[in-house]
C-alpha cells in the first residue's frame, strides 16, 4: 500500500498519482492542504525520505518569499512552519512502508512500485 501526500492542483502531483494508478498499486490519497500534517508526521516523513527539512520547503511559493526567505530557522522551527503552512510542503510525497520519495520528477515513484 502506497500513501501519496497530494495536491490535486499540482501538475507533478497529478502525474505521480497517475503513474501509481497505471501500475494498479493500492494507494491512499491524502490531500494535505485539507488534512494538514502534524509536526510528528513531518518528522516521520523526513526520516523515511532521509532528507533534511530544507528539501520539503517550497521556496518559490509567494508565502515563503514574503515571510520566510532569508530566515535562518532550525529544523524544529521549519517543521513547525510546515505544519502551520501546508502550502509550503513540497509535493508530492509518496510513502511505502519505511521508505518515501519526492515525486519530482514523477518517475521517482517507480522506485516504490
C-alpha atoms as a PDB file:
ATOM      1  CA  UNK A   1       0.000   0.000   0.000  1.00  0.00           C
ATOM      2  CA  UNK A   2       1.277   3.406  -1.013  1.00  0.00           C
ATOM      3  CA  UNK A   3       0.323   6.740   0.512  1.00  0.00           C
ATOM      4  CA  UNK A   4       0.599   9.883  -1.576  1.00  0.00           C
ATOM      5  CA  UNK A   5       0.553  13.324   0.016  1.00  0.00           C
ATOM      6  CA  UNK A   6      -1.186  15.020  -2.844  1.00  0.00           C
ATOM      7  CA  UNK A   7      -2.242  18.443  -4.043  1.00  0.00           C
ATOM      8  CA  UNK A   8      -4.816  17.968  -6.830  1.00  0.00           C
ATOM      9  CA  UNK A   9      -3.986  21.406  -8.258  1.00  0.00           C
ATOM     10  CA  UNK A  10      -0.311  20.469  -8.784  1.00  0.00           C
ATOM     11  CA  UNK A  11       0.634  19.024 -12.167  1.00  0.00           C
ATOM     12  CA  UNK A  12       3.548  16.957 -10.800  1.00  0.00           C
ATOM     13  CA  UNK A  13       1.345  15.573  -8.062  1.00  0.00           C
ATOM     14  CA  UNK A  14      -1.352  14.582 -10.560  1.00  0.00           C
ATOM     15  CA  UNK A  15       1.264  12.978 -12.833  1.00  0.00           C
ATOM     16  CA  UNK A  16       2.715  10.979  -9.933  1.00  0.00           C
ATOM     17  CA  UNK A  17      -0.732   9.774  -8.883  1.00  0.00           C
ATOM     18  CA  UNK A  18      -1.453   8.765 -12.477  1.00  0.00           C
ATOM     19  CA  UNK A  19       1.719   6.630 -12.596  1.00  0.00           C
ATOM     20  CA  UNK A  20       0.630   4.901  -9.396  1.00  0.00           C
ATOM     21  CA  UNK A  21      -2.827   4.205 -10.801  1.00  0.00           C
ATOM     22  CA  UNK A  22      -1.382   2.925 -14.079  1.00  0.00           C
ATOM     23  CA  UNK A  23       0.707   0.467 -12.062  1.00  0.00           C
ATOM     24  CA  UNK A  24      -2.531  -0.637 -10.384  1.00  0.00           C
ATOM     25  CA  UNK A  25      -0.971  -0.165  -6.966  1.00  0.00           C
ATOM     26  CA  UNK A  26      -3.114   0.234  -3.878  1.00  0.00           C
ATOM     27  CA  UNK A  27      -2.916   3.863  -2.856  1.00  0.00           C
ATOM     28  CA  UNK A  28      -4.258   6.097  -0.137  1.00  0.00           C
ATOM     29  CA  UNK A  29      -4.523   9.706  -1.293  1.00  0.00           C
ATOM     30  CA  UNK A  30      -4.038  12.364   1.386  1.00  0.00           C
ATOM     31  CA  UNK A  31      -4.918  15.921   0.386  1.00  0.00           C
ATOM     32  CA  UNK A  32      -2.513  17.536   2.829  1.00  0.00           C
ATOM     33  CA  UNK A  33      -3.997  21.003   2.243  1.00  0.00           C
ATOM     34  CA  UNK A  34      -7.325  19.750   3.610  1.00  0.00           C
ATOM     35  CA  UNK A  35      -5.718  17.422   6.164  1.00  0.00           C
ATOM     36  CA  UNK A  36      -2.512  19.213   7.256  1.00  0.00           C
ATOM     37  CA  UNK A  37       0.293  17.092   8.621  1.00  0.00           C
ATOM     38  CA  UNK A  38       1.273  17.332  12.255  1.00  0.00           C
ATOM     39  CA  UNK A  39       4.824  18.086  13.292  1.00  0.00           C
ATOM     40  CA  UNK A  40       5.262  14.413  14.256  1.00  0.00           C
ATOM     41  CA  UNK A  41       4.062  13.291  10.820  1.00  0.00           C
ATOM     42  CA  UNK A  42       6.526  15.669   9.147  1.00  0.00           C
ATOM     43  CA  UNK A  43       9.385  14.294  11.253  1.00  0.00           C
ATOM     44  CA  UNK A  44       8.321  10.771  10.270  1.00  0.00           C
ATOM     45  CA  UNK A  45       8.353  11.734   6.577  1.00  0.00           C
ATOM     46  CA  UNK A  46      11.793  13.295   6.930  1.00  0.00           C
ATOM     47  CA  UNK A  47      13.070  10.065   8.449  1.00  0.00           C
ATOM     48  CA  UNK A  48      11.581   7.958   5.647  1.00  0.00           C
ATOM     49  CA  UNK A  49      12.863  10.347   2.979  1.00  0.00           C
ATOM     50  CA  UNK A  50      16.278  10.504   4.637  1.00  0.00           C
ATOM     51  CA  UNK A  51      16.456  14.188   3.721  1.00  0.00           C
ATOM     52  CA  UNK A  52      16.911  17.409   5.667  1.00  0.00           C
ATOM     53  CA  UNK A  53      13.838  19.585   6.144  1.00  0.00           C
ATOM     54  CA  UNK A  54      15.181  22.052   3.587  1.00  0.00           C
ATOM     55  CA  UNK A  55      14.144  19.647   0.797  1.00  0.00           C
ATOM     56  CA  UNK A  56      10.495  19.813   1.863  1.00  0.00           C
ATOM     57  CA  UNK A  57      10.179  23.599   1.650  1.00  0.00           C
ATOM     58  CA  UNK A  58       8.681  25.119  -1.495  1.00  0.00           C
ATOM     59  CA  UNK A  59      10.904  28.159  -1.853  1.00  0.00           C
ATOM     60  CA  UNK A  60       9.115  29.510  -4.935  1.00  0.00           C
ATOM     61  CA  UNK A  61       5.817  29.932  -3.085  1.00  0.00           C
ATOM     62  CA  UNK A  62       4.826  33.549  -2.540  1.00  0.00           C
ATOM     63  CA  UNK A  63       4.245  32.834   1.160  1.00  0.00           C
ATOM     64  CA  UNK A  64       7.845  31.659   1.518  1.00  0.00           C
ATOM     65  CA  UNK A  65       9.218  34.701  -0.306  1.00  0.00           C
ATOM     66  CA  UNK A  66       7.159  37.121   1.786  1.00  0.00           C
ATOM     67  CA  UNK A  67       7.581  35.610   5.239  1.00  0.00           C
ATOM     68  CA  UNK A  68      10.479  33.174   5.370  1.00  0.00           C
ATOM     69  CA  UNK A  69      13.089  33.931   2.708  1.00  0.00           C
ATOM     70  CA  UNK A  70      16.460  34.648   4.259  1.00  0.00           C
ATOM     71  CA  UNK A  71      15.437  33.428   7.707  1.00  0.00           C
ATOM     72  CA  UNK A  72      17.861  31.084   9.399  1.00  0.00           C
ATOM     73  CA  UNK A  73      15.492  28.715  11.210  1.00  0.00           C
ATOM     74  CA  UNK A  74      16.332  25.463  12.952  1.00  0.00           C
ATOM     75  CA  UNK A  75      14.940  22.150  11.726  1.00  0.00           C
ATOM     76  CA  UNK A  76      12.372  22.196  14.537  1.00  0.00           C
ATOM     77  CA  UNK A  77      11.285  25.717  13.581  1.00  0.00           C
ATOM     78  CA  UNK A  78      10.946  24.749   9.900  1.00  0.00           C
ATOM     79  CA  UNK A  79       8.900  21.680  10.808  1.00  0.00           C
ATOM     80  CA  UNK A  80       6.576  23.929  12.825  1.00  0.00           C
ATOM     81  CA  UNK A  81       6.326  26.337   9.850  1.00  0.00           C
ATOM     82  CA  UNK A  82       5.414  23.438   7.528  1.00  0.00           C
ATOM     83  CA  UNK A  83       2.795  22.130   9.946  1.00  0.00           C
ATOM     84  CA  UNK A  84       1.235  25.584  10.190  1.00  0.00           C
ATOM     85  CA  UNK A  85       1.587  26.375   6.457  1.00  0.00           C
ATOM     86  CA  UNK A  86       0.940  23.168   4.476  1.00  0.00           C
ATOM     87  CA  UNK A  87       1.104  25.130   1.218  1.00  0.00           C
ATOM     88  CA  UNK A  88       4.879  25.287   1.733  1.00  0.00           C
ATOM     89  CA  UNK A  89       5.249  21.492   1.783  1.00  0.00           C
ATOM     90  CA  UNK A  90       6.964  20.074  -1.294  1.00  0.00           C
ATOM     91  CA  UNK A  91       4.762  17.706  -3.223  1.00  0.00           C
ATOM     92  CA  UNK A  92       4.012  15.039  -3.910  1.00  0.00           C
ATOM     93  CA  UNK A  93       5.485  12.738  -1.297  1.00  0.00           C
ATOM     94  CA  UNK A  94       4.882   9.022  -1.725  1.00  0.00           C
ATOM     95  CA  UNK A  95       5.367   6.568   1.127  1.00  0.00           C
ATOM     96  CA  UNK A  96       5.621   2.793   1.144  1.00  0.00           C
ATOM     97  CA  UNK A  97       6.340   1.156   4.480  1.00  0.00           C
ATOM     98  CA  UNK A  98       9.529   2.752   5.854  1.00  0.00           C
ATOM     99  CA  UNK A  99      10.582   4.402   2.588  1.00  0.00           C
ATOM    100  CA  UNK A 100       9.449   7.610   0.916  1.00  0.00           C
ATOM    101  CA  UNK A 101      10.280   9.630  -2.189  1.00  0.00           C
ATOM    102  CA  UNK A 102       9.572  13.066  -3.548  1.00  0.00           C
ATOM    103  CA  UNK A 103       7.636  12.802  -6.788  1.00  0.00           C
ATOM    104  CA  UNK A 104       9.775  15.366  -8.550  1.00  0.00           C
ATOM    105  CA  UNK A 105      10.138  14.158 -11.191  1.00  0.00           C
ATOM    106  CA  UNK A 106       7.041  11.940 -11.086  1.00  0.00           C
ATOM    107  CA  UNK A 107       9.070   8.977 -12.401  1.00  0.00           C
ATOM    108  CA  UNK A 108      10.748   8.769  -8.966  1.00  0.00           C
ATOM    109  CA  UNK A 109       7.649   6.901  -7.793  1.00  0.00           C
ATOM    110  CA  UNK A 110       8.720   3.863  -9.823  1.00  0.00           C
ATOM    111  CA  UNK A 111      11.307   3.173  -7.100  1.00  0.00           C
ATOM    112  CA  UNK A 112       8.434   2.265  -4.794  1.00  0.00           C
ATOM    113  CA  UNK A 113       6.258   0.341  -7.251  1.00  0.00           C
END
